[in-house]
Amino acid sequence: MKKTSTFQNGLIWFGAGVSLAEILTGTAFAPLGFGRGLAAILLGHLIGCVMLFLAGYIGAVTERSAMETVKMSFGQKGGLLFAFLNVLQLVGWTAIMIYDGALAAGGIFSSGSWIWCLVIGGLIIVWILVGITDLGWINKIAMTALFLLTLVLCKVIFFDGAPVGGDLGEAMSFGAAVELAVAMPLSWLPLISDYTREAERPFAATMASTVTYGLVSCWMYVIGMGAAIYTGEYDIAVIMVKAGLGIAALVILVLSTVTTTFLDAWSAGISAESLSKKINGKWTAVAVTVIGIAGALLFPMDDITGFLYLIGSVFAPMIAIQIADCFFLRRDRFGVDFDVRNLVIWVVGFILYRLLMGVDIVVGCTLPDMAATIVLCVLADKLSGKKTAAE
């Protein structure tokens, strides 16, 4: 397998962070005010990115894909549940990202969002066919363009605008805002090992991936929040049009959508390979993109908050169990069919997450849920050890 450099991994996660979905999510922080909103964004990303690093490092040192590392905690057949759920959420993300990108592009060039669904979907398929290790100069050009154009967007929002004042909408609690910031890095947990497993230098590549994504994602959230506070607009395409960015705006929207959604579709293919050895990951990724195009054309996908929380409730306790097994218990269940103990703990963690969503906790519900799940794993291990010793 051709290895990826630390720089390549950083580029991949730069592309993941520059996302229209993250900018749109950032607008929800505006009612908190810039100071409190920024604090929530930074705290949420710190929590989420620590978890993201640990998930990616497991894959990097074992050289296994994300869903193959899941089998280390849940067994060969137990891990299939999460591979299936991951494919489903990635199909959903692919459709959402194409929908958002096409809607925004259609707002700049009024040629119909359905055309942009096809254009963006077609470019994603090109990225997939080129392949993750061979994107090379394409990725470098795309990332350079995105970097420069997001700088222009920052200037338009923060230097050419002024706080609009007035009612910016109903403010969520600080804890809910933190959780919304955690949600984005958390959504990448079931994917990151698909890329770090191919790294030449596991620790450096995982750190570069996590730090790059965390910084860029915060940047995107702040752009969205700043857009609402300083221009009074919640539609980023409208801001670009008013600023006269024109073709530059289109480049930002299309490239950012393609580079992010490519990772979703590509990982859907890798996760599908965990379901069956007969499945070809690359062509599955193409099929997922086609399904995503169809979903974007047929269904409205304007509010993704519930979708983000559902992902958190499924994958936060999952990765907590993996962290406990890998870093605390040194426990590997890759060779068994099912690990019933961990599956039961995951169900408890899932239910706990849903219950904690109704409680206003200053750090959100992901961190308490994962901490409780890890404690449950350690306690269960100690109890099973005592039982074995007694027998």
Foldseek 3Di string as FASTA:
>chain_A
DAFDELVLLLLLLLLQQLAPVLLLLLQLLQQVPQPLLLVLLLLLLVVQLVLLLLLQLLLQVVLAFLLLLLCQQWNLQRSLVVLVVLLVLLLVVLLLLLLLLLVLLCVQPVPDSLVSLVVLLVLLLVDLVCHSRRCPPVSVVLSVLLVVLVVVLCCLLPVVFAFPDDDLDDHDDLQVSNNSSSLSSLNCSSQNSNRSSRHPDNNSSSVSSSVSNSVSSSSSSSSSSSCCGGVVDSRSSVSCVVVVVRPSSSSSSSSSSSSNSSSSLLRSLVSVCSVDVVGHSSVSSSVSSVSSSVSSVPDDDDDCPVVSLLSLLQRLLSSLSSCLCVPPVVGTNHHHHGDVLSVVLSVVLSVQSVVQQVPRDNNYRSVVSSVVSSVSNVVVVVVVVVVVVVD
